[in-house]
Every structure is written in C-alpha cells, then in structure tokens.
Amino acid sequence: MIVNKAYRYRIYPTTEQKMIFAKTFGCVRFIYNKMLSDRIDYYKETGQKLNNTPAQYKEEFPWLKEVDSLALANAQMNLNKAYNNFWKDSQHFGKPRFKSKK
C-alpha cells in the first residue's frame, strides 16, 4: 500500500515584500493591457499583427525597470498565447481581454 504525504506551507511576507509583490502585479497588469491596446490599435490601422516587447515601454515608463523583467516577459508570453489561440480557433477562444485589479 502506497501512502502519499503532503506538506502545507504558508508564508508571511514582510511589508517590504508585500510592496514588491504589489508593484510587480501592477506592472504586469499594466504591461499586458498596454501591449494589448497597442496591438488592437495597430491592427485597426494596418490590418497586420504587431510583435511588441516589454522592453519597448521601459523608456516611456521608467518605473517598469523596478520590477523583475521575467515577470514582464511572462505577461508578453501570456498575451502571445491568448492571441495565437484566438487566431487559431476563435469559436472556442474569444478575443484577449484587458486585465482588471479584481
């Protein structure tokens, strides 16, 4: 008989860590929404797909440099996956939606 064990962990971040998490989540949501709106606008103007990266926005918004770049890159990957799913099978996958705080 095989017995499975599980361990539960709970972390209690400090106030500084909570601020870092909040900044990171806010920046990820912002970059996702900004890239999505730019892609929609570009498609309406030209009828072509836009391949933008988070690095393009760091000059315009310097506070994006404060958070981890991999978190922003994951937001880009999530947006690319949402767009690819939409273009492949739009019946099952709707248009990518903007992310809200809730």
N, C-alpha and C. Protein backbone atom coordinates (compact mmCIF):
# COMPACT_ATOMS: atom_id res chain seq x y z
N MET A 1 0.83 -1.18 0.00
CA MET A 1 0.00 0.00 0.00
C MET A 1 0.88 1.25 0.00
N ILE A 2 0.60 2.16 -0.93
CA ILE A 2 1.38 3.39 -1.06
C ILE A 2 0.69 4.50 -0.28
N VAL A 3 1.45 5.19 0.52
CA VAL A 3 0.91 6.30 1.31
C VAL A 3 1.49 7.59 0.77
N ASN A 4 0.63 8.50 0.40
CA ASN A 4 1.07 9.81 -0.08
C ASN A 4 1.13 10.79 1.07
N LYS A 5 2.18 11.58 1.09
CA LYS A 5 2.33 12.60 2.11
C LYS A 5 2.24 13.97 1.45
N ALA A 6 1.74 14.92 2.18
CA ALA A 6 1.67 16.30 1.68
C ALA A 6 2.11 17.24 2.78
N TYR A 7 2.79 18.27 2.40
CA TYR A 7 3.22 19.29 3.34
C TYR A 7 2.59 20.61 2.92
N ARG A 8 2.06 21.32 3.85
CA ARG A 8 1.47 22.63 3.57
C ARG A 8 2.38 23.70 4.18
N TYR A 9 2.66 24.69 3.37
CA TYR A 9 3.48 25.80 3.83
C TYR A 9 2.70 27.09 3.67
N ARG A 10 2.92 28.00 4.55
CA ARG A 10 2.32 29.31 4.44
C ARG A 10 3.41 30.33 4.72
N ILE A 11 3.46 31.34 3.85
CA ILE A 11 4.49 32.36 4.04
C ILE A 11 3.84 33.63 4.57
N TYR A 12 4.58 34.36 5.31
CA TYR A 12 4.14 35.64 5.84
C TYR A 12 5.14 36.70 5.38
N PRO A 13 4.85 37.34 4.26
CA PRO A 13 5.82 38.31 3.75
C PRO A 13 5.87 39.57 4.62
N THR A 14 7.04 40.18 4.62
CA THR A 14 7.20 41.43 5.35
C THR A 14 6.52 42.56 4.57
N THR A 15 6.43 43.72 5.15
CA THR A 15 5.79 44.84 4.46
C THR A 15 6.56 45.22 3.21
N GLU A 16 7.87 45.12 3.24
CA GLU A 16 8.68 45.41 2.05
C GLU A 16 8.40 44.41 0.93
N GLN A 17 8.29 43.14 1.29
CA GLN A 17 7.99 42.11 0.31
C GLN A 17 6.58 42.29 -0.26
N LYS A 18 5.63 42.69 0.59
CA LYS A 18 4.27 42.95 0.12
C LYS A 18 4.26 44.08 -0.91
N MET A 19 5.07 45.11 -0.68
CA MET A 19 5.16 46.22 -1.63
C MET A 19 5.75 45.75 -2.95
N ILE A 20 6.75 44.90 -2.90
CA ILE A 20 7.36 44.38 -4.12
C ILE A 20 6.36 43.55 -4.90
N PHE A 21 5.60 42.71 -4.21
CA PHE A 21 4.57 41.91 -4.87
C PHE A 21 3.53 42.80 -5.53
N ALA A 22 3.07 43.82 -4.81
CA ALA A 22 2.05 44.72 -5.35
C ALA A 22 2.57 45.46 -6.58
N LYS A 23 3.81 45.93 -6.52
CA LYS A 23 4.40 46.62 -7.67
C LYS A 23 4.50 45.68 -8.87
N THR A 24 4.96 44.46 -8.61
CA THR A 24 5.15 43.50 -9.69
C THR A 24 3.81 43.16 -10.34
N PHE A 25 2.80 42.87 -9.53
CA PHE A 25 1.49 42.52 -10.10
C PHE A 25 0.89 43.69 -10.85
N GLY A 26 1.06 44.90 -10.33
CA GLY A 26 0.55 46.09 -11.01
C GLY A 26 1.25 46.34 -12.34
N CYS A 27 2.56 46.17 -12.36
CA CYS A 27 3.31 46.39 -13.60
C CYS A 27 2.98 45.32 -14.64
N VAL A 28 2.80 44.09 -14.20
CA VAL A 28 2.45 43.02 -15.13
C VAL A 28 1.09 43.29 -15.76
N ARG A 29 0.13 43.69 -14.93
CA ARG A 29 -1.20 44.01 -15.45
C ARG A 29 -1.13 45.21 -16.40
N PHE A 30 -0.36 46.23 -16.05
CA PHE A 30 -0.23 47.41 -16.89
C PHE A 30 0.39 47.06 -18.24
N ILE A 31 1.47 46.28 -18.24
CA ILE A 31 2.16 45.99 -19.49
C ILE A 31 1.30 45.10 -20.38
N TYR A 32 0.55 44.17 -19.79
CA TYR A 32 -0.36 43.33 -20.56
C TYR A 32 -1.41 44.19 -21.24
N ASN A 33 -2.04 45.08 -20.47
CA ASN A 33 -3.09 45.94 -21.03
C ASN A 33 -2.54 46.91 -22.07
N LYS A 34 -1.36 47.47 -21.84
CA LYS A 34 -0.76 48.41 -22.77
C LYS A 34 -0.40 47.71 -24.09
N MET A 35 0.20 46.54 -23.98
CA MET A 35 0.57 45.81 -25.19
C MET A 35 -0.67 45.37 -25.95
N LEU A 36 -1.73 44.99 -25.24
CA LEU A 36 -2.97 44.58 -25.89
C LEU A 36 -3.62 45.76 -26.61
N SER A 37 -3.66 46.91 -25.97
CA SER A 37 -4.27 48.07 -26.63
C SER A 37 -3.45 48.52 -27.84
N ASP A 38 -2.12 48.45 -27.74
CA ASP A 38 -1.28 48.81 -28.89
C ASP A 38 -1.47 47.83 -30.05
N ARG A 39 -1.62 46.55 -29.73
CA ARG A 39 -1.85 45.56 -30.79
C ARG A 39 -3.20 45.79 -31.46
N ILE A 40 -4.21 46.10 -30.68
CA ILE A 40 -5.54 46.35 -31.25
C ILE A 40 -5.51 47.58 -32.14
N ASP A 41 -4.88 48.66 -31.67
CA ASP A 41 -4.79 49.89 -32.47
C ASP A 41 -4.01 49.65 -33.75
N TYR A 42 -2.89 48.94 -33.65
CA TYR A 42 -2.06 48.67 -34.83
C TYR A 42 -2.81 47.83 -35.85
N TYR A 43 -3.58 46.86 -35.37
CA TYR A 43 -4.33 46.01 -36.29
C TYR A 43 -5.44 46.81 -36.98
N LYS A 44 -6.07 47.73 -36.26
CA LYS A 44 -7.11 48.56 -36.86
C LYS A 44 -6.52 49.48 -37.94
N GLU A 45 -5.31 49.98 -37.72
CA GLU A 45 -4.68 50.89 -38.67
C GLU A 45 -4.14 50.17 -39.89
N THR A 46 -3.42 49.06 -39.68
CA THR A 46 -2.70 48.43 -40.78
C THR A 46 -3.27 47.09 -41.22
N GLY A 47 -4.01 46.41 -40.35
CA GLY A 47 -4.51 45.08 -40.67
C GLY A 47 -3.47 43.99 -40.50
N GLN A 48 -2.37 44.30 -39.81
CA GLN A 48 -1.30 43.33 -39.58
C GLN A 48 -1.09 43.14 -38.10
N LYS A 49 -0.41 42.03 -37.75
CA LYS A 49 -0.11 41.75 -36.35
C LYS A 49 1.12 42.56 -35.91
N LEU A 50 1.11 42.97 -34.66
CA LEU A 50 2.23 43.71 -34.07
C LEU A 50 2.94 42.81 -33.08
N ASN A 51 4.24 42.72 -33.18
CA ASN A 51 5.04 41.98 -32.20
C ASN A 51 5.81 42.98 -31.36
N ASN A 52 5.24 43.33 -30.20
CA ASN A 52 5.89 44.28 -29.31
C ASN A 52 6.42 43.55 -28.08
N THR A 53 7.39 44.19 -27.42
CA THR A 53 8.02 43.60 -26.24
C THR A 53 7.94 44.58 -25.08
N PRO A 54 8.06 44.10 -23.85
CA PRO A 54 8.03 45.00 -22.69
C PRO A 54 9.21 45.98 -22.68
N ALA A 55 10.32 45.60 -23.29
CA ALA A 55 11.49 46.48 -23.29
C ALA A 55 11.22 47.78 -24.04
N GLN A 56 10.30 47.76 -24.99
CA GLN A 56 9.98 48.97 -25.75
C GLN A 56 9.30 50.03 -24.87
N TYR A 57 8.69 49.61 -23.80
CA TYR A 57 7.93 50.54 -22.95
C TYR A 57 8.74 51.07 -21.77
N LYS A 58 9.93 50.55 -21.54
CA LYS A 58 10.70 50.94 -20.36
C LYS A 58 11.24 52.36 -20.45
N GLU A 59 11.46 52.87 -21.65
CA GLU A 59 11.91 54.26 -21.78
C GLU A 59 10.77 55.23 -21.48
N GLU A 60 9.59 54.90 -21.95
CA GLU A 60 8.43 55.75 -21.74
C GLU A 60 7.93 55.68 -20.30
N PHE A 61 8.03 54.51 -19.69
CA PHE A 61 7.59 54.30 -18.31
C PHE A 61 8.77 53.75 -17.50
N PRO A 62 9.60 54.63 -16.93
CA PRO A 62 10.82 54.15 -16.25
C PRO A 62 10.54 53.33 -14.99
N TRP A 63 9.36 53.43 -14.40
CA TRP A 63 9.06 52.64 -13.21
C TRP A 63 8.91 51.16 -13.52
N LEU A 64 8.86 50.79 -14.81
CA LEU A 64 8.83 49.37 -15.16
C LEU A 64 10.18 48.70 -14.92
N LYS A 65 11.24 49.50 -14.80
CA LYS A 65 12.58 48.95 -14.56
C LYS A 65 12.75 48.45 -13.12
N GLU A 66 11.83 48.85 -12.23
CA GLU A 66 11.95 48.48 -10.82
C GLU A 66 11.56 47.03 -10.55
N VAL A 67 10.78 46.43 -11.44
CA VAL A 67 10.30 45.07 -11.20
C VAL A 67 11.10 44.08 -12.03
N ASP A 68 10.89 42.81 -11.73
CA ASP A 68 11.61 41.74 -12.41
C ASP A 68 11.21 41.68 -13.88
N SER A 69 12.21 41.62 -14.75
CA SER A 69 11.93 41.59 -16.18
C SER A 69 11.28 40.28 -16.63
N LEU A 70 11.53 39.20 -15.88
CA LEU A 70 10.92 37.93 -16.25
C LEU A 70 9.41 37.94 -16.03
N ALA A 71 8.95 38.69 -15.04
CA ALA A 71 7.51 38.81 -14.82
C ALA A 71 6.87 39.52 -16.01
N LEU A 72 7.52 40.56 -16.51
CA LEU A 72 7.00 41.28 -17.67
C LEU A 72 7.07 40.41 -18.92
N ALA A 73 8.12 39.60 -19.03
CA ALA A 73 8.24 38.70 -20.18
C ALA A 73 7.14 37.64 -20.15
N ASN A 74 6.77 37.19 -18.95
CA ASN A 74 5.67 36.23 -18.84
C ASN A 74 4.35 36.85 -19.24
N ALA A 75 4.16 38.14 -18.96
CA ALA A 75 2.95 38.82 -19.41
C ALA A 75 2.90 38.85 -20.93
N GLN A 76 4.05 39.08 -21.56
CA GLN A 76 4.12 39.06 -23.02
C GLN A 76 3.81 37.67 -23.56
N MET A 77 4.33 36.64 -22.93
CA MET A 77 4.07 35.28 -23.37
C MET A 77 2.59 34.93 -23.22
N ASN A 78 1.97 35.37 -22.13
CA ASN A 78 0.55 35.11 -21.94
C ASN A 78 -0.28 35.80 -23.00
N LEU A 79 0.10 37.03 -23.36
CA LEU A 79 -0.63 37.76 -24.39
C LEU A 79 -0.44 37.09 -25.75
N ASN A 80 0.77 36.65 -26.05
CA ASN A 80 1.02 35.95 -27.31
C ASN A 80 0.20 34.67 -27.40
N LYS A 81 0.13 33.93 -26.29
CA LYS A 81 -0.64 32.69 -26.28
C LYS A 81 -2.13 32.98 -26.48
N ALA A 82 -2.63 34.03 -25.84
CA ALA A 82 -4.04 34.39 -26.00
C ALA A 82 -4.34 34.78 -27.45
N TYR A 83 -3.45 35.53 -28.06
CA TYR A 83 -3.65 35.91 -29.45
C TYR A 83 -3.56 34.72 -30.40
N ASN A 84 -2.60 33.84 -30.17
CA ASN A 84 -2.47 32.66 -31.03
C ASN A 84 -3.70 31.77 -30.91
N ASN A 85 -4.21 31.59 -29.70
CA ASN A 85 -5.43 30.80 -29.53
C ASN A 85 -6.61 31.46 -30.24
N PHE A 86 -6.68 32.78 -30.17
CA PHE A 86 -7.78 33.50 -30.82
C PHE A 86 -7.72 33.33 -32.33
N TRP A 87 -6.53 33.45 -32.91
CA TRP A 87 -6.42 33.35 -34.36
C TRP A 87 -6.62 31.92 -34.85
N LYS A 88 -6.24 30.93 -34.06
CA LYS A 88 -6.40 29.54 -34.47
C LYS A 88 -7.86 29.11 -34.42
N ASP A 89 -8.52 29.40 -33.31
CA ASP A 89 -9.87 28.88 -33.09
C ASP A 89 -10.69 29.94 -32.35
N SER A 90 -11.25 30.87 -33.10
CA SER A 90 -11.97 31.97 -32.46
C SER A 90 -13.34 31.56 -31.93
N GLN A 91 -13.84 30.36 -32.29
CA GLN A 91 -15.11 29.91 -31.73
C GLN A 91 -14.97 29.52 -30.26
N HIS A 92 -13.87 28.88 -29.92
CA HIS A 92 -13.68 28.44 -28.55
C HIS A 92 -12.98 29.50 -27.70
N PHE A 93 -12.10 30.27 -28.33
CA PHE A 93 -11.35 31.28 -27.61
C PHE A 93 -11.79 32.64 -28.11
N GLY A 94 -12.24 33.49 -27.21
CA GLY A 94 -12.64 34.82 -27.61
C GLY A 94 -11.44 35.74 -27.74
N LYS A 95 -11.70 37.00 -27.99
CA LYS A 95 -10.62 37.98 -28.06
C LYS A 95 -9.95 38.10 -26.70
N PRO A 96 -8.66 38.38 -26.69
CA PRO A 96 -8.00 38.62 -25.40
C PRO A 96 -8.63 39.83 -24.72
N ARG A 97 -8.82 39.72 -23.42
CA ARG A 97 -9.47 40.77 -22.65
C ARG A 97 -8.46 41.53 -21.81
N PHE A 98 -8.82 42.74 -21.47
CA PHE A 98 -7.99 43.54 -20.59
C PHE A 98 -8.09 42.99 -19.17
N LYS A 99 -7.00 43.09 -18.42
CA LYS A 99 -6.96 42.60 -17.04
C LYS A 99 -7.33 43.72 -16.08
N SER A 100 -8.11 43.40 -15.08
CA SER A 100 -8.51 44.38 -14.08
C SER A 100 -7.88 44.02 -12.73
N LYS A 101 -8.01 44.92 -11.78
CA LYS A 101 -7.47 44.67 -10.45
C LYS A 101 -8.25 43.61 -9.69
N LYS A 102 -9.48 43.37 -10.08
CA LYS A 102 -10.33 42.45 -9.32
C LYS A 102 -10.13 41.02 -9.72
